[in-house]
Amino acid sequence: MNIQIYAGKKNFDTQKAERYFKERRIPVQMMDLKKHPLGEREIRLMIQAVGLEALIDREDPKVKEHPACYYDRESLLIPAIQEAPWLLKTPLVRNGNKITVGYRPEIWEQWT
């Protein structure tokens, strides 16, 4: 099992996700979205796994100020996410082609 946690900022859910895997001695690769921007293929995989609506943090006041908050087409959102990864809800937890958004221990338990 190869778990990757994508996060731009250390929010509470990201810390809880990290702790969840650490407590179960499951190795995790932390992916800082500021240092390692997502490629188009990775973003498309995430959209396919969780849906376009689930990826964008439309509740965040900073995100609401960005025009991408109001995009509804993949062709517009993918470049916007690449330029501004803070638009994403985090943590994005990936296990191969399986991806979750936010703190989802009930799903991660099925992975182990």
C-alpha atoms as a PDB file:
ATOM      1  CA  MET A   1       0.000   0.000   0.000  1.00  0.00           C
ATOM      2  CA  ASN A   2       1.420   3.350  -1.052  1.00  0.00           C
ATOM      3  CA  ILE A   3      -0.418   6.207   0.674  1.00  0.00           C
ATOM      4  CA  GLN A   4       0.158   9.776  -0.438  1.00  0.00           C
ATOM      5  CA  ILE A   5      -1.322  12.761   1.358  1.00  0.00           C
ATOM      6  CA  TYR A   6      -1.566  15.907  -0.745  1.00  0.00           C
ATOM      7  CA  ALA A   7      -1.826  19.118   1.260  1.00  0.00           C
ATOM      8  CA  GLY A   8      -0.985  22.755   0.695  1.00  0.00           C
ATOM      9  CA  LYS A   9      -1.392  24.010   4.196  1.00  0.00           C
ATOM     10  CA  LYS A  10      -1.326  22.101   7.455  1.00  0.00           C
ATOM     11  CA  ASN A  11      -4.969  22.183   8.414  1.00  0.00           C
ATOM     12  CA  PHE A  12      -6.582  20.174  11.178  1.00  0.00           C
ATOM     13  CA  ASP A  13      -7.890  17.433   8.853  1.00  0.00           C
ATOM     14  CA  THR A  14      -4.443  16.992   7.286  1.00  0.00           C
ATOM     15  CA  GLN A  15      -2.896  16.546  10.725  1.00  0.00           C
ATOM     16  CA  LYS A  16      -5.606  14.039  11.695  1.00  0.00           C
ATOM     17  CA  ALA A  17      -5.056  12.084   8.468  1.00  0.00           C
ATOM     18  CA  GLU A  18      -1.307  11.972   9.068  1.00  0.00           C
ATOM     19  CA  ARG A  19      -1.889  10.761  12.623  1.00  0.00           C
ATOM     20  CA  TYR A  20      -4.404   8.120  11.468  1.00  0.00           C
ATOM     21  CA  PHE A  21      -1.840   6.395   9.255  1.00  0.00           C
ATOM     22  CA  LYS A  22       1.056   6.899  11.668  1.00  0.00           C
ATOM     23  CA  GLU A  23      -0.892   5.218  14.501  1.00  0.00           C
ATOM     24  CA  ARG A  24      -1.465   2.206  12.247  1.00  0.00           C
ATOM     25  CA  ARG A  25       2.205   2.138  11.187  1.00  0.00           C
ATOM     26  CA  ILE A  26       1.257   2.705   7.556  1.00  0.00           C
ATOM     27  CA  PRO A  27       3.994   4.617   5.721  1.00  0.00           C
ATOM     28  CA  VAL A  28       2.805   7.865   4.191  1.00  0.00           C
ATOM     29  CA  GLN A  29       4.350  10.108   1.590  1.00  0.00           C
ATOM     30  CA  MET A  30       3.494  13.748   2.249  1.00  0.00           C
ATOM     31  CA  MET A  31       3.096  15.793  -0.936  1.00  0.00           C
ATOM     32  CA  ASP A  32       3.317  19.537  -0.376  1.00  0.00           C
ATOM     33  CA  LEU A  33       1.268  21.122  -3.159  1.00  0.00           C
ATOM     34  CA  LYS A  34       3.364  24.294  -2.944  1.00  0.00           C
ATOM     35  CA  LYS A  35       6.585  22.401  -3.717  1.00  0.00           C
ATOM     36  CA  HIS A  36       5.153  19.667  -5.962  1.00  0.00           C
ATOM     37  CA  PRO A  37       2.335  21.055  -8.111  1.00  0.00           C
ATOM     38  CA  LEU A  38      -0.083  18.521  -9.529  1.00  0.00           C
ATOM     39  CA  GLY A  39       0.168  17.485 -13.146  1.00  0.00           C
ATOM     40  CA  GLU A  40      -2.804  17.374 -15.475  1.00  0.00           C
ATOM     41  CA  ARG A  41      -2.964  13.558 -15.318  1.00  0.00           C
ATOM     42  CA  GLU A  42      -3.043  13.594 -11.500  1.00  0.00           C
ATOM     43  CA  ILE A  43      -5.807  16.200 -11.454  1.00  0.00           C
ATOM     44  CA  ARG A  44      -7.850  14.236 -14.006  1.00  0.00           C
ATOM     45  CA  LEU A  45      -7.412  11.083 -11.891  1.00  0.00           C
ATOM     46  CA  MET A  46      -8.672  12.981  -8.829  1.00  0.00           C
ATOM     47  CA  ILE A  47     -11.652  14.364 -10.733  1.00  0.00           C
ATOM     48  CA  GLN A  48     -12.474  10.864 -11.962  1.00  0.00           C
ATOM     49  CA  ALA A  49     -12.207   9.429  -8.436  1.00  0.00           C
ATOM     50  CA  VAL A  50     -14.117  12.030  -6.403  1.00  0.00           C
ATOM     51  CA  GLY A  51     -15.772  14.373  -8.896  1.00  0.00           C
ATOM     52  CA  LEU A  52     -15.057  17.958  -9.816  1.00  0.00           C
ATOM     53  CA  GLU A  53     -17.349  19.439  -7.176  1.00  0.00           C
ATOM     54  CA  ALA A  54     -15.671  17.601  -4.294  1.00  0.00           C
ATOM     55  CA  LEU A  55     -12.182  18.873  -5.162  1.00  0.00           C
ATOM     56  CA  ILE A  56     -12.660  22.643  -4.911  1.00  0.00           C
ATOM     57  CA  ASP A  57     -12.961  24.204  -1.440  1.00  0.00           C
ATOM     58  CA  ARG A  58     -15.845  26.540  -2.275  1.00  0.00           C
ATOM     59  CA  GLU A  59     -16.383  27.364   1.429  1.00  0.00           C
ATOM     60  CA  ASP A  60     -12.955  28.958   1.923  1.00  0.00           C
ATOM     61  CA  PRO A  61     -13.202  32.793   1.783  1.00  0.00           C
ATOM     62  CA  LYS A  62      -9.904  33.028  -0.117  1.00  0.00           C
ATOM     63  CA  VAL A  63     -11.150  30.522  -2.724  1.00  0.00           C
ATOM     64  CA  LYS A  64     -14.429  32.429  -3.118  1.00  0.00           C
ATOM     65  CA  GLU A  65     -12.406  35.445  -4.279  1.00  0.00           C
ATOM     66  CA  HIS A  66     -10.775  33.429  -7.077  1.00  0.00           C
ATOM     67  CA  PRO A  67     -12.660  33.210 -10.399  1.00  0.00           C
ATOM     68  CA  ALA A  68     -12.024  29.437 -10.528  1.00  0.00           C
ATOM     69  CA  CYS A  69     -14.457  29.021  -7.640  1.00  0.00           C
ATOM     70  CA  TYR A  70     -17.216  29.635 -10.172  1.00  0.00           C
ATOM     71  CA  TYR A  71     -15.867  27.442 -12.992  1.00  0.00           C
ATOM     72  CA  ASP A  72     -17.754  24.264 -13.726  1.00  0.00           C
ATOM     73  CA  ARG A  73     -15.724  22.894 -16.636  1.00  0.00           C
ATOM     74  CA  GLU A  74     -12.683  20.645 -16.346  1.00  0.00           C
ATOM     75  CA  SER A  75     -10.909  22.496 -19.160  1.00  0.00           C
ATOM     76  CA  LEU A  76     -10.982  25.707 -17.094  1.00  0.00           C
ATOM     77  CA  LEU A  77     -10.437  24.204 -13.652  1.00  0.00           C
ATOM     78  CA  ILE A  78      -7.391  22.041 -14.383  1.00  0.00           C
ATOM     79  CA  PRO A  79      -5.093  24.965 -15.321  1.00  0.00           C
ATOM     80  CA  ALA A  80      -6.525  26.997 -12.401  1.00  0.00           C
ATOM     81  CA  ILE A  81      -5.702  24.186  -9.943  1.00  0.00           C
ATOM     82  CA  GLN A  82      -2.196  23.877 -11.390  1.00  0.00           C
ATOM     83  CA  GLU A  83      -1.611  27.602 -10.858  1.00  0.00           C
ATOM     84  CA  ALA A  84      -3.358  27.822  -7.485  1.00  0.00           C
ATOM     85  CA  PRO A  85      -3.352  24.452  -5.660  1.00  0.00           C
ATOM     86  CA  TRP A  86      -4.806  26.153  -2.558  1.00  0.00           C
ATOM     87  CA  LEU A  87      -8.166  25.967  -4.363  1.00  0.00           C
ATOM     88  CA  LEU A  88      -8.325  22.265  -3.441  1.00  0.00           C
ATOM     89  CA  LYS A  89      -9.947  20.796  -0.358  1.00  0.00           C
ATOM     90  CA  THR A  90      -7.316  19.020   1.670  1.00  0.00           C
ATOM     91  CA  PRO A  91      -6.139  16.550   2.585  1.00  0.00           C
ATOM     92  CA  LEU A  92      -6.347  14.563  -0.628  1.00  0.00           C
ATOM     93  CA  VAL A  93      -5.402  11.024   0.347  1.00  0.00           C
ATOM     94  CA  ARG A  94      -4.396   8.699  -2.458  1.00  0.00           C
ATOM     95  CA  ASN A  95      -3.921   4.945  -2.517  1.00  0.00           C
ATOM     96  CA  GLY A  96      -3.238   4.021  -6.148  1.00  0.00           C
ATOM     97  CA  ASN A  97      -6.336   5.063  -8.094  1.00  0.00           C
ATOM     98  CA  LYS A  98      -8.438   5.423  -4.932  1.00  0.00           C
ATOM     99  CA  ILE A  99      -8.682   8.962  -3.608  1.00  0.00           C
ATOM    100  CA  THR A 100     -10.513  10.629  -0.736  1.00  0.00           C
ATOM    101  CA  VAL A 101     -11.023  14.279   0.114  1.00  0.00           C
ATOM    102  CA  GLY A 102     -10.895  15.370   3.745  1.00  0.00           C
ATOM    103  CA  TYR A 103     -10.678  13.174   6.828  1.00  0.00           C
ATOM    104  CA  ARG A 104     -12.264   9.829   5.839  1.00  0.00           C
ATOM    105  CA  PRO A 105     -11.077   7.056   8.213  1.00  0.00           C
ATOM    106  CA  GLU A 106     -14.104   4.889   7.388  1.00  0.00           C
ATOM    107  CA  ILE A 107     -12.850   4.590   3.802  1.00  0.00           C
ATOM    108  CA  TRP A 108      -9.140   4.287   4.695  1.00  0.00           C
ATOM    109  CA  GLU A 109      -9.983   1.366   6.964  1.00  0.00           C
ATOM    110  CA  GLN A 110     -11.292  -0.538   3.922  1.00  0.00           C
ATOM    111  CA  TRP A 111      -7.923   0.040   2.210  1.00  0.00           C
ATOM    112  CA  THR A 112      -5.943  -1.686   4.976  1.00  0.00           C
END
